[in-house]
Amino acid sequence: MNILKEENKILKTKKNNYHSSRRKSYTNKSSSKKFKISKQQINKRYSILSHKNHNSNLNQTPNSTSRRISISNFNTLSYTDLKKDEENLANQVKGIQKEIKEKKKKHQEKIKISLDSEIDLKNEIKKQQEKQKSLQGTIEQKTRQLEELKRSSKEEIQKLENNNQLEINLSKENHKNQCDQLKEQIELNQKRITTLLNAIGESNLDYEESNKLYQNEIQTFTQALDSLEITLTNRKKDLRKKVFQSKFYLEGDSIEKKN
């Protein structure tokens, strides 16, 4: 905007200088004669850069968005014509300034939307992290329960095996009927042992299936978290790009004019 103000100041100086030159020329000529000036002098004294196609993309080069206005198709120029041109140029400057303000406002709205989206993504990442932490706690609890079941089952098996050995030793000293009874008791104990071993095997299978399921869920949430982080990074890049493009649009053409 400062560059536009500087250009307006330069344009105003050129106009004043031109009108002063006109007045000096009229003092040496008859008032009934029209003041004549060549096209080269007009283009040299009274030319400015004017924007072209302000609705074009921001990625266009400065050379494609500006052109030089040349006054042609006439050899004479009256003060009234100059005044009309001056008003037209002033209207063009006002239109350009208004359009720049509108586009700047739109860019600021886009930037605000992008910042809001970034906050939403951060909140979603935080929720996923909390959910993953809760799931990890559940897995640890299930693991402790399984270890406790294995320990208690092992103690029960050892106790039963000790009882079996004791009963076998006693059966050698007792009557054959007692031996038969002990054998029946041993078979019963063996069945109980088999039942406990089967229970342990089923528990192991349940643990493996549960652990596999929990690991899959952890992997899924981890992938979702990575995807959210990538999305956040891309949003930041887009935001920087939009800010840069907005700054380039607002200052790029003016820098080209100044150069």
Protein backbone atom coordinates (compact mmCIF):
# COMPACT_ATOMS: atom_id res chain seq x y z
CA MET A 1 0.00 0.00 0.00
CA ASN A 2 2.93 2.33 0.69
CA ILE A 3 4.21 1.71 -2.84
CA LEU A 4 0.78 2.57 -4.27
CA LYS A 5 0.76 5.82 -2.29
CA GLU A 6 4.24 6.62 -3.60
CA GLU A 7 3.11 5.94 -7.17
CA ASN A 8 0.07 8.17 -6.70
CA LYS A 9 2.34 10.92 -5.41
CA ILE A 10 4.66 10.56 -8.44
CA LEU A 11 1.64 10.56 -10.78
CA LYS A 12 0.27 13.70 -9.17
CA THR A 13 3.67 15.42 -9.56
CA LYS A 14 3.79 14.45 -13.24
CA LYS A 15 0.30 15.89 -13.79
CA ASN A 16 1.17 19.17 -12.05
CA ASN A 17 4.35 19.49 -14.07
CA TYR A 18 2.43 18.79 -17.26
CA HIS A 19 -0.27 21.37 -16.48
CA SER A 20 2.40 23.92 -15.58
CA SER A 21 4.07 23.31 -18.94
CA ARG A 22 0.70 23.74 -20.65
CA ARG A 23 0.09 27.08 -18.95
CA LYS A 24 3.51 28.36 -19.97
CA SER A 25 2.86 27.32 -23.57
CA TYR A 26 -0.53 29.07 -23.65
CA THR A 27 1.01 32.37 -22.53
CA ASN A 28 3.02 32.42 -25.75
CA LYS A 29 0.14 31.43 -28.05
CA SER A 30 -3.26 32.80 -28.98
CA SER A 31 -6.13 31.59 -26.78
CA SER A 32 -8.16 30.74 -29.86
CA LYS A 33 -5.63 28.17 -31.04
CA LYS A 34 -5.59 24.61 -29.80
CA PHE A 35 -2.46 23.48 -28.06
CA LYS A 36 -0.85 20.72 -30.11
CA ILE A 37 1.54 18.09 -28.76
CA SER A 38 3.10 15.05 -30.39
CA LYS A 39 2.28 11.46 -29.41
CA GLN A 40 5.87 10.94 -28.28
CA GLN A 41 5.62 13.87 -25.87
CA ILE A 42 2.27 12.64 -24.55
CA ASN A 43 3.61 9.13 -23.94
CA LYS A 44 6.74 10.56 -22.33
CA ARG A 45 5.04 13.11 -20.06
CA TYR A 46 1.76 11.41 -19.29
CA SER A 47 1.97 7.59 -18.95
CA ILE A 48 1.46 5.29 -15.99
CA LEU A 49 1.33 1.62 -15.29
CA SER A 50 -2.17 0.21 -15.09
CA HIS A 51 -3.19 -3.18 -13.81
CA LYS A 52 -4.64 -5.62 -16.27
CA ASN A 53 -7.07 -8.42 -15.42
CA HIS A 54 -7.16 -8.06 -11.62
CA ASN A 55 -9.18 -11.28 -11.28
CA SER A 56 -6.33 -13.39 -12.66
CA ASN A 57 -4.45 -15.96 -10.53
CA LEU A 58 -1.86 -14.83 -8.03
CA ASN A 59 0.73 -17.07 -9.71
CA GLN A 60 0.86 -14.85 -12.80
CA THR A 61 4.07 -12.93 -13.34
CA PRO A 62 4.07 -9.15 -12.75
CA ASN A 63 4.69 -8.53 -16.48
CA SER A 64 1.42 -10.27 -17.35
CA THR A 65 -0.62 -8.17 -14.89
CA SER A 66 0.46 -4.72 -16.02
CA ARG A 67 0.66 -2.72 -19.23
CA ARG A 68 1.47 0.79 -20.31
CA ILE A 69 -1.40 3.03 -21.39
CA SER A 70 -0.55 5.09 -24.44
CA ILE A 71 -2.70 7.95 -25.70
CA SER A 72 -3.29 7.56 -29.43
CA ASN A 73 -5.69 8.18 -32.32
CA PHE A 74 -5.39 11.98 -32.01
CA ASN A 75 -2.80 14.69 -32.49
CA THR A 76 -4.29 17.41 -30.28
CA LEU A 77 -5.05 17.34 -26.58
CA SER A 78 -7.18 19.97 -24.82
CA TYR A 79 -7.31 20.72 -21.12
CA THR A 80 -10.78 19.13 -20.93
CA ASP A 81 -9.40 15.88 -22.37
CA LEU A 82 -6.58 15.93 -19.85
CA LYS A 83 -9.04 16.54 -17.04
CA LYS A 84 -11.16 13.57 -18.15
CA ASP A 85 -8.08 11.39 -18.34
CA GLU A 86 -7.09 12.54 -14.88
CA GLU A 87 -10.52 11.61 -13.49
CA ASN A 88 -10.41 8.24 -15.24
CA LEU A 89 -6.98 7.53 -13.81
CA ALA A 90 -8.12 8.56 -10.32
CA ASN A 91 -11.12 6.22 -10.63
CA GLN A 92 -8.82 3.41 -11.74
CA VAL A 93 -6.58 3.96 -8.71
CA LYS A 94 -9.60 3.92 -6.39
CA GLY A 95 -10.86 0.72 -8.03
CA ILE A 96 -7.47 -0.93 -7.64
CA GLN A 97 -7.24 0.09 -3.97
CA LYS A 98 -10.75 -1.19 -3.30
CA GLU A 99 -10.04 -4.51 -5.00
CA ILE A 100 -6.80 -4.92 -3.04
CA LYS A 101 -8.69 -4.33 0.24
CA GLU A 102 -11.34 -6.91 -0.70
CA LYS A 103 -8.76 -9.53 -1.67
CA LYS A 104 -6.76 -8.83 1.48
CA LYS A 105 -9.92 -9.35 3.55
CA LYS A 106 -10.63 -12.67 1.76
CA HIS A 107 -7.07 -13.86 2.38
CA GLN A 108 -7.35 -12.99 6.06
CA GLU A 109 -10.57 -15.02 6.29
CA LYS A 110 -8.85 -18.01 4.62
CA ILE A 111 -5.95 -17.72 7.07
CA LYS A 112 -8.39 -17.70 10.02
CA ILE A 113 -10.13 -20.83 8.69
CA SER A 114 -6.78 -22.58 8.31
CA LEU A 115 -5.81 -21.69 11.90
CA ASP A 116 -9.14 -23.04 13.20
CA SER A 117 -8.56 -26.29 11.29
CA GLU A 118 -5.10 -26.58 12.80
CA ILE A 119 -6.55 -26.28 16.32
CA ASP A 120 -9.15 -28.98 15.54
CA LEU A 121 -6.42 -31.31 14.30
CA LYS A 122 -4.37 -30.78 17.47
CA ASN A 123 -7.41 -31.61 19.63
CA GLU A 124 -8.09 -34.76 17.59
CA ILE A 125 -4.46 -35.89 17.98
CA LYS A 126 -4.71 -35.35 21.75
CA LYS A 127 -7.89 -37.48 21.92
CA GLN A 128 -6.25 -40.30 19.94
CA GLN A 129 -3.22 -40.23 22.25
CA GLU A 130 -5.44 -40.48 25.33
CA LYS A 131 -7.37 -43.38 23.79
CA GLN A 132 -4.13 -45.18 22.94
CA LYS A 133 -2.90 -44.69 26.52
CA SER A 134 -6.14 -46.17 27.89
CA LEU A 135 -5.88 -49.16 25.55
CA GLN A 136 -2.28 -49.79 26.64
CA GLY A 137 -3.44 -49.84 30.29
CA THR A 138 -6.09 -52.45 29.43
CA ILE A 139 -3.48 -54.66 27.76
CA GLU A 140 -1.20 -54.43 30.79
CA GLN A 141 -4.08 -55.39 33.09
CA LYS A 142 -4.95 -58.44 30.96
CA THR A 143 -1.29 -59.48 30.97
CA ARG A 144 -1.14 -59.35 34.76
CA GLN A 145 -4.31 -61.43 35.04
CA LEU A 146 -2.87 -64.09 32.72
CA GLU A 147 0.38 -64.26 34.67
CA GLU A 148 -1.57 -64.71 37.90
CA LEU A 149 -3.62 -67.53 36.33
CA LYS A 150 -0.47 -69.29 35.16
CA ARG A 151 1.11 -69.03 38.62
CA SER A 152 -1.94 -70.35 40.45
CA SER A 153 -2.36 -73.18 37.94
CA LYS A 154 1.28 -74.18 38.30
CA GLU A 155 0.95 -74.31 42.10
CA GLU A 156 -2.18 -76.46 41.82
CA ILE A 157 -0.47 -78.89 39.43
CA GLN A 158 2.56 -79.18 41.72
CA LYS A 159 0.31 -79.86 44.69
CA LEU A 160 -1.58 -82.55 42.83
CA GLU A 161 1.65 -84.17 41.64
CA ASN A 162 2.96 -84.24 45.21
CA ASN A 163 -0.27 -85.83 46.40
CA ASN A 164 -0.05 -88.45 43.66
CA GLN A 165 3.48 -89.37 44.61
CA LEU A 166 2.53 -89.68 48.26
CA GLU A 167 -0.42 -91.91 47.47
CA ILE A 168 1.77 -94.11 45.24
CA ASN A 169 4.25 -94.64 48.07
CA LEU A 170 1.43 -95.51 50.46
CA SER A 171 -0.13 -97.93 47.97
CA LYS A 172 3.04 -100.03 47.92
CA GLU A 173 2.60 -100.73 51.65
CA ASN A 174 -1.14 -101.26 51.69
CA HIS A 175 -3.44 -103.92 50.46
CA LYS A 176 -4.24 -104.54 46.80
CA ASN A 177 -7.67 -102.99 47.27
CA GLN A 178 -6.05 -99.92 48.61
CA CYS A 179 -3.83 -99.94 45.54
CA ASP A 180 -6.88 -100.09 43.32
CA GLN A 181 -8.44 -97.23 45.20
CA LEU A 182 -5.23 -95.24 44.91
CA LYS A 183 -5.07 -95.95 41.21
CA GLU A 184 -8.59 -94.64 40.82
CA GLN A 185 -7.62 -91.59 42.82
CA ILE A 186 -4.54 -91.14 40.61
CA GLU A 187 -6.65 -91.36 37.47
CA LEU A 188 -9.02 -88.82 38.93
CA ASN A 189 -6.11 -86.53 39.74
CA GLN A 190 -4.69 -87.01 36.25
CA LYS A 191 -8.03 -85.97 34.79
CA ARG A 192 -7.99 -82.89 36.96
CA ILE A 193 -4.45 -82.13 35.82
CA THR A 194 -5.49 -82.60 32.19
CA THR A 195 -8.45 -80.30 32.74
CA LEU A 196 -6.19 -77.66 34.26
CA LEU A 197 -3.66 -77.98 31.43
CA ASN A 198 -6.45 -77.62 28.89
CA ALA A 199 -7.71 -74.57 30.75
CA ILE A 200 -4.21 -73.10 30.65
CA GLY A 201 -3.96 -73.84 26.92
CA GLU A 202 -7.30 -72.16 26.26
CA SER A 203 -6.23 -69.20 28.36
CA ASN A 204 -3.05 -68.93 26.31
CA LEU A 205 -5.09 -69.00 23.10
CA ASP A 206 -7.46 -66.34 24.45
CA TYR A 207 -4.50 -64.24 25.52
CA GLU A 208 -2.84 -64.53 22.10
CA GLU A 209 -6.07 -63.61 20.31
CA SER A 210 -6.71 -60.69 22.67
CA ASN A 211 -3.13 -59.52 22.41
CA LYS A 212 -3.26 -59.73 18.61
CA LEU A 213 -6.52 -57.75 18.59
CA TYR A 214 -5.11 -55.09 20.89
CA GLN A 215 -1.90 -54.84 18.86
CA ASN A 216 -3.97 -54.35 15.69
CA GLU A 217 -5.95 -51.60 17.39
CA ILE A 218 -2.74 -49.93 18.56
CA GLN A 219 -1.35 -50.11 15.03
CA THR A 220 -4.57 -48.64 13.63
CA PHE A 221 -4.54 -45.73 16.07
CA THR A 222 -0.82 -45.19 15.45
CA GLN A 223 -1.44 -44.98 11.70
CA ALA A 224 -4.34 -42.59 12.28
CA LEU A 225 -2.10 -40.46 14.50
CA ASP A 226 0.63 -40.39 11.83
CA SER A 227 -1.96 -39.45 9.19
CA LEU A 228 -3.24 -36.61 11.37
CA GLU A 229 0.31 -35.33 11.91
CA ILE A 230 0.96 -35.42 8.14
CA THR A 231 -2.31 -33.57 7.54
CA LEU A 232 -1.32 -30.94 10.10
CA THR A 233 2.09 -30.50 8.44
CA ASN A 234 0.45 -30.10 5.00
CA ARG A 235 -2.00 -27.55 6.40
CA LYS A 236 0.87 -25.54 7.80
CA LYS A 237 2.65 -25.63 4.45
CA ASP A 238 -0.56 -24.54 2.67
CA LEU A 239 -1.00 -21.73 5.18
CA ARG A 240 2.56 -20.49 4.62
CA LYS A 241 2.07 -20.73 0.87
CA LYS A 242 -1.18 -18.74 0.98
CA VAL A 243 0.41 -16.06 3.18
CA PHE A 244 3.36 -15.82 0.79
CA GLN A 245 1.05 -15.64 -2.24
CA SER A 246 -1.05 -12.95 -0.55
CA LYS A 247 2.06 -10.93 0.23
CA PHE A 248 3.32 -11.46 -3.34
CA TYR A 249 0.01 -10.25 -4.80
CA LEU A 250 -0.11 -7.16 -2.61
CA GLU A 251 3.55 -6.16 -3.06
CA GLY A 252 4.82 -8.02 -6.13
CA ASP A 253 3.26 -5.78 -8.79
CA SER A 254 4.23 -2.59 -6.96
CA ILE A 255 7.86 -3.76 -6.63
CA GLU A 256 7.90 -4.49 -10.36
CA LYS A 257 6.59 -0.99 -11.10
CA LYS A 258 9.18 0.61 -8.85
CA ASN A 259 11.97 -1.34 -10.54
